[in-house]
Amino acid sequence: MEHLDELASFQHLEIRSSLPDELLMFGDKLSMAHSLEVRVPYLDRTVVEFAERLSASMKVRGRRGKWLHGQVCQRFLPPALLRRKKRGFAVNVVDQWLQSSTESTLSAFLLDRNSLMFELLEPEPVRALLEEHRAGRNDNHKLLFSLVMFEQWLRGVRTGGRSEASLAHAAH
């Protein structure tokens, strides 16, 4: 690393530490857990080694990171796509789900005082999170999604992994 500039040194450390030990492993586990086949772009050894040799001015210009990548993409992608802000996957999916869910669906998980999570959590802060999110005062989609998943998990544990529908069917 003695011949690398500051940016290249940080990238070198990231490629050899947090990328394989955290980011790639996390993506791999999540994709496998959901039966998805995922390919991470730009991990070809030749591409990585080429990018490592580039000067910082080819990577960052002003406040624009990935400058060279943007220049190459201009040949293949529409301008509107290149100009839009970066956005995460979860924001769109979870927010659309929260907005399209019926009041009764959300109530069953987040507002019902009999939800199993309220054996461990106070209901009022959960209600406040949902209200702030619905009113647009705070983006709480990650917390709300986590709470719904937590409630689902608790219900699965309580029923031994069987769904409530299958329990009702078995009782008849």
N, C-alpha and C. Protein backbone atom coordinates (compact mmCIF):
# COMPACT_ATOMS: atom_id res chain seq x y z
N MET A 1 0.82 -1.20 0.00
CA MET A 1 0.00 0.00 0.00
C MET A 1 0.86 1.26 0.00
N GLU A 2 2.15 1.12 0.14
CA GLU A 2 3.02 2.30 0.23
C GLU A 2 3.01 3.15 -1.03
N HIS A 3 2.66 2.59 -2.17
CA HIS A 3 2.64 3.34 -3.43
C HIS A 3 1.25 3.84 -3.81
N LEU A 4 0.29 3.66 -2.93
CA LEU A 4 -1.09 4.04 -3.22
C LEU A 4 -1.43 5.40 -2.60
N ASP A 5 -2.32 6.14 -3.29
CA ASP A 5 -2.81 7.38 -2.69
C ASP A 5 -3.84 7.02 -1.61
N GLU A 6 -4.34 8.04 -0.91
CA GLU A 6 -5.25 7.80 0.21
C GLU A 6 -6.52 7.05 -0.22
N LEU A 7 -7.14 7.47 -1.32
CA LEU A 7 -8.35 6.82 -1.80
C LEU A 7 -8.08 5.36 -2.15
N ALA A 8 -7.02 5.11 -2.89
CA ALA A 8 -6.68 3.74 -3.29
C ALA A 8 -6.36 2.87 -2.07
N SER A 9 -5.74 3.46 -1.06
CA SER A 9 -5.44 2.71 0.17
C SER A 9 -6.72 2.26 0.87
N PHE A 10 -7.68 3.18 0.97
CA PHE A 10 -8.96 2.82 1.59
C PHE A 10 -9.69 1.75 0.77
N GLN A 11 -9.66 1.90 -0.54
CA GLN A 11 -10.32 0.91 -1.40
C GLN A 11 -9.64 -0.45 -1.27
N HIS A 12 -8.33 -0.45 -1.19
CA HIS A 12 -7.57 -1.68 -1.02
C HIS A 12 -7.99 -2.39 0.27
N LEU A 13 -8.09 -1.63 1.36
CA LEU A 13 -8.51 -2.21 2.64
C LEU A 13 -9.94 -2.75 2.56
N GLU A 14 -10.83 -1.99 1.93
CA GLU A 14 -12.22 -2.42 1.84
C GLU A 14 -12.36 -3.69 1.02
N ILE A 15 -11.65 -3.77 -0.09
CA ILE A 15 -11.72 -4.95 -0.96
C ILE A 15 -11.23 -6.20 -0.24
N ARG A 16 -10.29 -6.02 0.65
CA ARG A 16 -9.70 -7.17 1.32
C ARG A 16 -10.25 -7.43 2.72
N SER A 17 -11.16 -6.59 3.20
CA SER A 17 -11.70 -6.82 4.54
C SER A 17 -13.22 -6.78 4.55
N SER A 18 -13.82 -5.59 4.59
CA SER A 18 -15.27 -5.51 4.76
C SER A 18 -16.05 -6.03 3.57
N LEU A 19 -15.53 -5.93 2.39
CA LEU A 19 -16.26 -6.42 1.22
C LEU A 19 -16.51 -7.93 1.32
N PRO A 20 -15.46 -8.76 1.44
CA PRO A 20 -15.74 -10.20 1.52
C PRO A 20 -16.32 -10.64 2.86
N ASP A 21 -15.86 -10.03 3.95
CA ASP A 21 -16.26 -10.49 5.28
C ASP A 21 -17.63 -10.00 5.72
N GLU A 22 -18.11 -8.93 5.11
CA GLU A 22 -19.40 -8.38 5.53
C GLU A 22 -20.37 -8.27 4.37
N LEU A 23 -20.08 -7.37 3.44
CA LEU A 23 -21.05 -7.04 2.40
C LEU A 23 -21.39 -8.23 1.49
N LEU A 24 -20.39 -8.90 0.97
CA LEU A 24 -20.67 -10.02 0.06
C LEU A 24 -21.29 -11.19 0.81
N MET A 25 -20.81 -11.47 2.02
CA MET A 25 -21.38 -12.56 2.79
C MET A 25 -22.83 -12.27 3.15
N PHE A 26 -23.11 -11.03 3.53
CA PHE A 26 -24.48 -10.63 3.88
C PHE A 26 -25.40 -10.80 2.67
N GLY A 27 -24.97 -10.30 1.52
CA GLY A 27 -25.77 -10.44 0.30
C GLY A 27 -25.97 -11.89 -0.08
N ASP A 28 -24.93 -12.70 0.08
CA ASP A 28 -25.02 -14.12 -0.25
C ASP A 28 -26.01 -14.84 0.66
N LYS A 29 -25.93 -14.58 1.95
CA LYS A 29 -26.84 -15.24 2.89
C LYS A 29 -28.29 -14.82 2.67
N LEU A 30 -28.50 -13.52 2.45
CA LEU A 30 -29.86 -13.05 2.21
C LEU A 30 -30.45 -13.63 0.93
N SER A 31 -29.64 -13.67 -0.11
CA SER A 31 -30.16 -14.20 -1.37
C SER A 31 -30.45 -15.70 -1.25
N MET A 32 -29.58 -16.44 -0.59
CA MET A 32 -29.82 -17.88 -0.41
C MET A 32 -31.05 -18.13 0.45
N ALA A 33 -31.24 -17.31 1.49
CA ALA A 33 -32.39 -17.48 2.38
C ALA A 33 -33.71 -17.30 1.64
N HIS A 34 -33.68 -16.55 0.53
CA HIS A 34 -34.89 -16.30 -0.23
C HIS A 34 -34.88 -16.98 -1.60
N SER A 35 -34.00 -17.97 -1.73
CA SER A 35 -33.91 -18.77 -2.97
C SER A 35 -33.68 -17.91 -4.21
N LEU A 36 -32.82 -16.91 -4.08
CA LEU A 36 -32.49 -16.04 -5.20
C LEU A 36 -31.08 -16.32 -5.68
N GLU A 37 -30.90 -16.25 -6.97
CA GLU A 37 -29.57 -16.36 -7.57
C GLU A 37 -29.09 -14.93 -7.83
N VAL A 38 -28.03 -14.52 -7.18
CA VAL A 38 -27.56 -13.14 -7.26
C VAL A 38 -26.15 -13.10 -7.82
N ARG A 39 -25.91 -12.15 -8.67
CA ARG A 39 -24.57 -11.90 -9.22
C ARG A 39 -24.16 -10.49 -8.84
N VAL A 40 -23.02 -10.36 -8.20
CA VAL A 40 -22.52 -9.05 -7.82
C VAL A 40 -21.70 -8.52 -8.99
N PRO A 41 -22.04 -7.33 -9.49
CA PRO A 41 -21.32 -6.80 -10.66
C PRO A 41 -19.91 -6.35 -10.31
N TYR A 42 -19.07 -6.35 -11.31
CA TYR A 42 -17.72 -5.78 -11.23
C TYR A 42 -16.77 -6.49 -10.26
N LEU A 43 -16.98 -7.77 -10.03
CA LEU A 43 -16.04 -8.47 -9.17
C LEU A 43 -15.07 -9.34 -9.97
N ASP A 44 -15.06 -9.16 -11.25
CA ASP A 44 -14.08 -9.85 -12.07
C ASP A 44 -12.70 -9.35 -11.68
N ARG A 45 -11.77 -10.26 -11.48
CA ARG A 45 -10.43 -9.89 -11.00
C ARG A 45 -9.76 -8.87 -11.91
N THR A 46 -9.89 -9.04 -13.22
CA THR A 46 -9.26 -8.12 -14.16
C THR A 46 -9.84 -6.71 -14.02
N VAL A 47 -11.15 -6.62 -13.86
CA VAL A 47 -11.81 -5.32 -13.70
C VAL A 47 -11.37 -4.66 -12.39
N VAL A 48 -11.33 -5.44 -11.31
CA VAL A 48 -10.92 -4.89 -10.01
C VAL A 48 -9.48 -4.41 -10.06
N GLU A 49 -8.60 -5.20 -10.64
CA GLU A 49 -7.19 -4.80 -10.73
C GLU A 49 -7.02 -3.55 -11.60
N PHE A 50 -7.79 -3.45 -12.68
CA PHE A 50 -7.75 -2.25 -13.52
C PHE A 50 -8.20 -1.03 -12.72
N ALA A 51 -9.31 -1.16 -12.01
CA ALA A 51 -9.85 -0.05 -11.22
C ALA A 51 -8.88 0.37 -10.13
N GLU A 52 -8.19 -0.59 -9.54
CA GLU A 52 -7.22 -0.25 -8.50
C GLU A 52 -6.08 0.62 -9.05
N ARG A 53 -5.71 0.43 -10.30
CA ARG A 53 -4.60 1.18 -10.90
C ARG A 53 -5.00 2.59 -11.34
N LEU A 54 -6.29 2.88 -11.41
CA LEU A 54 -6.74 4.20 -11.84
C LEU A 54 -6.38 5.27 -10.80
N SER A 55 -6.10 6.46 -11.28
CA SER A 55 -5.83 7.56 -10.36
C SER A 55 -7.13 8.01 -9.70
N ALA A 56 -6.99 8.71 -8.59
CA ALA A 56 -8.17 9.20 -7.86
C ALA A 56 -9.01 10.13 -8.73
N SER A 57 -8.38 10.87 -9.65
CA SER A 57 -9.13 11.80 -10.50
C SER A 57 -10.04 11.07 -11.49
N MET A 58 -9.75 9.81 -11.77
CA MET A 58 -10.62 9.02 -12.65
C MET A 58 -11.79 8.41 -11.86
N LYS A 59 -11.67 8.39 -10.55
CA LYS A 59 -12.70 7.80 -9.70
C LYS A 59 -13.63 8.86 -9.12
N VAL A 60 -13.07 10.00 -8.77
CA VAL A 60 -13.83 11.07 -8.13
C VAL A 60 -13.50 12.39 -8.81
N ARG A 61 -14.55 13.14 -9.16
CA ARG A 61 -14.37 14.49 -9.71
C ARG A 61 -15.34 15.41 -8.99
N GLY A 62 -14.79 16.39 -8.32
CA GLY A 62 -15.65 17.27 -7.52
C GLY A 62 -16.33 16.45 -6.46
N ARG A 63 -17.66 16.46 -6.48
CA ARG A 63 -18.43 15.66 -5.51
C ARG A 63 -19.02 14.41 -6.16
N ARG A 64 -18.61 14.14 -7.38
CA ARG A 64 -19.13 12.97 -8.11
C ARG A 64 -18.21 11.78 -7.95
N GLY A 65 -18.66 10.80 -7.19
CA GLY A 65 -17.93 9.55 -7.07
C GLY A 65 -18.23 8.68 -8.28
N LYS A 66 -17.41 7.67 -8.47
CA LYS A 66 -17.57 6.72 -9.60
C LYS A 66 -17.63 7.48 -10.93
N TRP A 67 -16.78 8.48 -11.06
CA TRP A 67 -16.82 9.35 -12.24
C TRP A 67 -16.64 8.56 -13.54
N LEU A 68 -15.60 7.74 -13.63
CA LEU A 68 -15.35 6.99 -14.86
C LEU A 68 -16.51 6.03 -15.16
N HIS A 69 -17.02 5.42 -14.14
CA HIS A 69 -18.17 4.52 -14.31
C HIS A 69 -19.35 5.27 -14.93
N GLY A 70 -19.59 6.48 -14.45
CA GLY A 70 -20.66 7.30 -15.01
C GLY A 70 -20.42 7.65 -16.47
N GLN A 71 -19.17 7.95 -16.81
CA GLN A 71 -18.84 8.27 -18.20
C GLN A 71 -19.11 7.07 -19.12
N VAL A 72 -18.74 5.90 -18.69
CA VAL A 72 -18.96 4.69 -19.49
C VAL A 72 -20.46 4.41 -19.62
N CYS A 73 -21.19 4.56 -18.52
CA CYS A 73 -22.62 4.27 -18.53
C CYS A 73 -23.41 5.22 -19.43
N GLN A 74 -22.90 6.42 -19.69
CA GLN A 74 -23.59 7.37 -20.56
C GLN A 74 -23.80 6.79 -21.96
N ARG A 75 -22.94 5.89 -22.35
CA ARG A 75 -23.07 5.28 -23.68
C ARG A 75 -24.20 4.26 -23.73
N PHE A 76 -24.64 3.77 -22.59
CA PHE A 76 -25.57 2.65 -22.58
C PHE A 76 -26.90 2.92 -21.87
N LEU A 77 -26.95 3.92 -21.01
CA LEU A 77 -28.15 4.16 -20.21
C LEU A 77 -28.76 5.52 -20.51
N PRO A 78 -30.08 5.65 -20.39
CA PRO A 78 -30.73 6.94 -20.64
C PRO A 78 -30.32 7.98 -19.59
N PRO A 79 -30.25 9.25 -19.98
CA PRO A 79 -29.82 10.32 -19.06
C PRO A 79 -30.66 10.40 -17.78
N ALA A 80 -31.96 10.19 -17.89
CA ALA A 80 -32.82 10.27 -16.70
C ALA A 80 -32.40 9.24 -15.65
N LEU A 81 -32.02 8.08 -16.08
CA LEU A 81 -31.57 7.03 -15.16
C LEU A 81 -30.26 7.42 -14.50
N LEU A 82 -29.38 8.04 -15.24
CA LEU A 82 -28.08 8.43 -14.69
C LEU A 82 -28.19 9.60 -13.71
N ARG A 83 -29.19 10.45 -13.88
CA ARG A 83 -29.34 11.63 -13.03
C ARG A 83 -30.10 11.36 -11.74
N ARG A 84 -30.89 10.30 -11.69
CA ARG A 84 -31.71 10.09 -10.51
C ARG A 84 -30.86 9.75 -9.28
N LYS A 85 -31.41 10.06 -8.12
CA LYS A 85 -30.71 9.81 -6.87
C LYS A 85 -30.64 8.32 -6.61
N LYS A 86 -29.60 7.93 -5.92
CA LYS A 86 -29.44 6.54 -5.52
C LYS A 86 -30.56 6.20 -4.54
N ARG A 87 -31.11 5.01 -4.68
CA ARG A 87 -32.16 4.59 -3.75
C ARG A 87 -32.00 3.11 -3.47
N GLY A 88 -32.32 2.75 -2.26
CA GLY A 88 -32.19 1.37 -1.85
C GLY A 88 -33.40 0.54 -2.25
N PHE A 89 -33.21 -0.74 -2.30
CA PHE A 89 -34.27 -1.67 -2.66
C PHE A 89 -35.40 -1.62 -1.63
N ALA A 90 -35.04 -1.67 -0.37
CA ALA A 90 -36.06 -1.79 0.68
C ALA A 90 -36.99 -0.59 0.73
N VAL A 91 -36.49 0.58 0.46
CA VAL A 91 -37.33 1.78 0.55
C VAL A 91 -38.56 1.63 -0.32
N ASN A 92 -38.39 1.23 -1.55
CA ASN A 92 -39.53 1.12 -2.46
C ASN A 92 -40.47 -0.01 -2.07
N VAL A 93 -39.92 -1.17 -1.82
CA VAL A 93 -40.75 -2.34 -1.55
C VAL A 93 -41.51 -2.19 -0.25
N VAL A 94 -40.80 -1.84 0.82
CA VAL A 94 -41.44 -1.74 2.13
C VAL A 94 -42.42 -0.58 2.17
N ASP A 95 -42.03 0.56 1.64
CA ASP A 95 -42.94 1.71 1.67
C ASP A 95 -44.21 1.44 0.86
N GLN A 96 -44.08 0.84 -0.31
CA GLN A 96 -45.27 0.50 -1.10
C GLN A 96 -46.15 -0.48 -0.34
N TRP A 97 -45.51 -1.44 0.32
CA TRP A 97 -46.27 -2.42 1.09
C TRP A 97 -47.01 -1.73 2.24
N LEU A 98 -46.31 -0.85 2.97
CA LEU A 98 -46.96 -0.15 4.08
C LEU A 98 -48.12 0.71 3.59
N GLN A 99 -47.92 1.40 2.47
CA GLN A 99 -48.96 2.28 1.96
C GLN A 99 -50.15 1.51 1.40
N SER A 100 -49.88 0.34 0.79
CA SER A 100 -50.97 -0.41 0.18
C SER A 100 -51.66 -1.37 1.14
N SER A 101 -51.05 -1.63 2.27
CA SER A 101 -51.67 -2.53 3.25
C SER A 101 -52.95 -1.91 3.77
N THR A 102 -53.89 -2.75 3.99
CA THR A 102 -55.15 -2.24 4.55
C THR A 102 -54.94 -1.91 6.02
N GLU A 103 -55.78 -1.06 6.54
CA GLU A 103 -55.69 -0.67 7.95
C GLU A 103 -55.74 -1.90 8.85
N SER A 104 -56.57 -2.87 8.49
CA SER A 104 -56.69 -4.06 9.34
C SER A 104 -55.41 -4.89 9.35
N THR A 105 -54.71 -4.94 8.23
CA THR A 105 -53.46 -5.71 8.18
C THR A 105 -52.42 -5.09 9.10
N LEU A 106 -52.24 -3.78 8.98
CA LEU A 106 -51.28 -3.11 9.85
C LEU A 106 -51.72 -3.18 11.30
N SER A 107 -53.01 -3.01 11.54
CA SER A 107 -53.52 -3.05 12.91
C SER A 107 -53.23 -4.39 13.56
N ALA A 108 -53.36 -5.45 12.78
CA ALA A 108 -53.14 -6.79 13.33
C ALA A 108 -51.73 -6.94 13.88
N PHE A 109 -50.80 -6.22 13.30
CA PHE A 109 -49.41 -6.35 13.74
C PHE A 109 -48.95 -5.21 14.64
N LEU A 110 -49.25 -3.99 14.26
CA LEU A 110 -48.63 -2.84 14.92
C LEU A 110 -49.53 -2.11 15.91
N LEU A 111 -50.82 -2.26 15.78
CA LEU A 111 -51.73 -1.49 16.64
C LEU A 111 -52.52 -2.34 17.62
N ASP A 112 -52.61 -3.62 17.39
CA ASP A 112 -53.38 -4.51 18.26
C ASP A 112 -52.64 -4.73 19.58
N ARG A 113 -53.25 -4.34 20.67
CA ARG A 113 -52.61 -4.49 21.99
C ARG A 113 -52.34 -5.96 22.32
N ASN A 114 -53.00 -6.88 21.64
CA ASN A 114 -52.80 -8.31 21.89
C ASN A 114 -51.67 -8.91 21.05
N SER A 115 -51.03 -8.09 20.22
CA SER A 115 -49.88 -8.59 19.46
C SER A 115 -48.84 -9.11 20.43
N LEU A 116 -48.21 -10.20 20.06
CA LEU A 116 -47.24 -10.85 20.93
C LEU A 116 -46.04 -9.96 21.24
N MET A 117 -45.68 -9.07 20.32
CA MET A 117 -44.52 -8.20 20.56
C MET A 117 -44.73 -7.30 21.78
N PHE A 118 -45.98 -7.05 22.13
CA PHE A 118 -46.25 -6.15 23.25
C PHE A 118 -46.08 -6.83 24.60
N GLU A 119 -45.73 -8.11 24.58
CA GLU A 119 -45.28 -8.76 25.81
C GLU A 119 -43.86 -8.28 26.13
N LEU A 120 -43.17 -7.76 25.10
CA LEU A 120 -41.78 -7.31 25.25
C LEU A 120 -41.60 -5.81 25.01
N LEU A 121 -42.52 -5.20 24.27
CA LEU A 121 -42.42 -3.79 23.90
C LEU A 121 -43.63 -3.02 24.39
N GLU A 122 -43.44 -1.72 24.61
CA GLU A 122 -44.55 -0.84 24.94
C GLU A 122 -45.29 -0.49 23.65
N PRO A 123 -46.62 -0.56 23.63
CA PRO A 123 -47.37 -0.29 22.40
C PRO A 123 -47.33 1.17 21.94
N GLU A 124 -47.28 2.11 22.85
CA GLU A 124 -47.36 3.53 22.46
C GLU A 124 -46.22 3.97 21.55
N PRO A 125 -44.97 3.65 21.84
CA PRO A 125 -43.90 4.04 20.92
C PRO A 125 -44.04 3.41 19.53
N VAL A 126 -44.57 2.19 19.46
CA VAL A 126 -44.80 1.54 18.16
C VAL A 126 -45.86 2.31 17.39
N ARG A 127 -46.94 2.69 18.07
CA ARG A 127 -47.99 3.49 17.44
C ARG A 127 -47.45 4.83 16.95
N ALA A 128 -46.59 5.44 17.76
CA ALA A 128 -46.01 6.73 17.39
C ALA A 128 -45.13 6.59 16.14
N LEU A 129 -44.37 5.51 16.04
CA LEU A 129 -43.56 5.27 14.85
C LEU A 129 -44.44 5.18 13.60
N LEU A 130 -45.53 4.43 13.71
CA LEU A 130 -46.43 4.26 12.57
C LEU A 130 -47.08 5.59 12.20
N GLU A 131 -47.53 6.34 13.18
CA GLU A 131 -48.17 7.63 12.91
C GLU A 131 -47.20 8.63 12.28
N GLU A 132 -45.98 8.68 12.80
CA GLU A 132 -44.96 9.57 12.21
C GLU A 132 -44.70 9.21 10.76
N HIS A 133 -44.64 7.91 10.49
CA HIS A 133 -44.37 7.45 9.13
C HIS A 133 -45.53 7.80 8.20
N ARG A 134 -46.74 7.50 8.63
CA ARG A 134 -47.92 7.79 7.80
C ARG A 134 -48.08 9.28 7.52
N ALA A 135 -47.72 10.11 8.50
CA ALA A 135 -47.85 11.56 8.35
C ALA A 135 -46.69 12.16 7.55
N GLY A 136 -45.68 11.35 7.27
CA GLY A 136 -44.53 11.84 6.51
C GLY A 136 -43.55 12.66 7.34
N ARG A 137 -43.67 12.60 8.67
CA ARG A 137 -42.76 13.35 9.53
C ARG A 137 -41.43 12.63 9.70
N ASN A 138 -41.43 11.31 9.56
CA ASN A 138 -40.23 10.50 9.71
C ASN A 138 -40.31 9.28 8.81
N ASP A 139 -39.19 8.86 8.27
CA ASP A 139 -39.16 7.65 7.45
C ASP A 139 -38.81 6.48 8.36
N ASN A 140 -39.82 5.78 8.83
CA ASN A 140 -39.64 4.67 9.78
C ASN A 140 -39.85 3.31 9.12
N HIS A 141 -39.74 3.24 7.80
CA HIS A 141 -40.11 1.99 7.13
C HIS A 141 -39.26 0.81 7.59
N LYS A 142 -37.99 1.04 7.87
CA LYS A 142 -37.15 -0.07 8.30
C LYS A 142 -37.57 -0.60 9.66
N LEU A 143 -37.84 0.31 10.57
CA LEU A 143 -38.29 -0.12 11.90
C LEU A 143 -39.65 -0.79 11.84
N LEU A 144 -40.57 -0.22 11.09
CA LEU A 144 -41.91 -0.80 10.99
C LEU A 144 -41.87 -2.18 10.35
N PHE A 145 -41.08 -2.31 9.29
CA PHE A 145 -40.94 -3.62 8.64
C PHE A 145 -40.35 -4.62 9.63
N SER A 146 -39.34 -4.20 10.37
CA SER A 146 -38.71 -5.09 11.36
C SER A 146 -39.71 -5.51 12.44
N LEU A 147 -40.56 -4.58 12.87
CA LEU A 147 -41.56 -4.91 13.88
C LEU A 147 -42.59 -5.90 13.36
N VAL A 148 -43.02 -5.72 12.12
CA VAL A 148 -43.98 -6.66 11.53
C VAL A 148 -43.34 -8.05 11.42
N MET A 149 -42.08 -8.10 10.97
CA MET A 149 -41.38 -9.39 10.85
C MET A 149 -41.18 -10.02 12.23
N PHE A 150 -40.89 -9.19 13.23
CA PHE A 150 -40.73 -9.66 14.60
C PHE A 150 -42.03 -10.30 15.10
N GLU A 151 -43.16 -9.63 14.86
CA GLU A 151 -44.46 -10.17 15.26
C GLU A 151 -44.75 -11.49 14.54
N GLN A 152 -44.45 -11.52 13.25
CA GLN A 152 -44.66 -12.76 12.49
C GLN A 152 -43.81 -13.90 13.07
N TRP A 153 -42.57 -13.58 13.40
CA TRP A 153 -41.67 -14.58 13.97
C TRP A 153 -42.22 -15.07 15.31
N LEU A 154 -42.64 -14.15 16.17
CA LEU A 154 -43.20 -14.53 17.47
C LEU A 154 -44.41 -15.44 17.31
N ARG A 155 -45.26 -15.11 16.34
CA ARG A 155 -46.44 -15.95 16.10
C ARG A 155 -46.03 -17.33 15.60
N GLY A 156 -45.01 -17.39 14.77
CA GLY A 156 -44.51 -18.68 14.29
C GLY A 156 -43.92 -19.52 15.41
N VAL A 157 -43.19 -18.87 16.32
CA VAL A 157 -42.61 -19.57 17.47
C VAL A 157 -43.72 -20.08 18.38
N ARG A 158 -44.72 -19.26 18.62
CA ARG A 158 -45.82 -19.62 19.50
C ARG A 158 -46.60 -20.81 18.96
N THR A 159 -46.73 -20.88 17.63
CA THR A 159 -47.52 -21.97 17.03
C THR A 159 -46.64 -23.13 16.56
N GLY A 160 -45.38 -23.09 16.93
CA GLY A 160 -44.47 -24.16 16.53
C GLY A 160 -44.16 -24.14 15.04
N GLY A 161 -44.21 -22.96 14.44
CA GLY A 161 -43.90 -22.83 13.01
C GLY A 161 -45.09 -23.03 12.11
N ARG A 162 -46.25 -23.42 12.68
CA ARG A 162 -47.45 -23.60 11.85
C ARG A 162 -48.19 -22.30 11.73
N SER A 163 -48.75 -22.04 10.57
CA SER A 163 -49.50 -20.79 10.37
C SER A 163 -50.82 -20.87 11.11
N GLU A 164 -51.37 -19.71 11.40
CA GLU A 164 -52.67 -19.67 12.07
C GLU A 164 -53.76 -20.32 11.22
N ALA A 165 -53.66 -20.18 9.90
CA ALA A 165 -54.65 -20.79 9.01
C ALA A 165 -54.59 -22.31 9.11
N SER A 166 -53.37 -22.88 9.16
CA SER A 166 -53.26 -24.33 9.24
C SER A 166 -53.71 -24.83 10.60
N LEU A 167 -53.53 -24.03 11.67
CA LEU A 167 -54.02 -24.41 13.00
C LEU A 167 -55.55 -24.43 13.02
N ALA A 168 -56.17 -23.43 12.39
CA ALA A 168 -57.64 -23.37 12.35
C ALA A 168 -58.18 -24.56 11.56
N HIS A 169 -57.50 -24.89 10.44
CA HIS A 169 -57.93 -26.02 9.61
C HIS A 169 -57.78 -27.34 10.39
N ALA A 170 -56.69 -27.49 11.13
CA ALA A 170 -56.45 -28.72 11.88
C ALA A 170 -57.47 -28.90 13.02
N ALA A 171 -57.97 -27.78 13.55
CA ALA A 171 -58.94 -27.85 14.66
C ALA A 171 -60.29 -28.36 14.19
N HIS A 172 -60.59 -28.22 12.87
CA HIS A 172 -61.91 -28.64 12.37
C HIS A 172 -61.92 -30.07 12.02
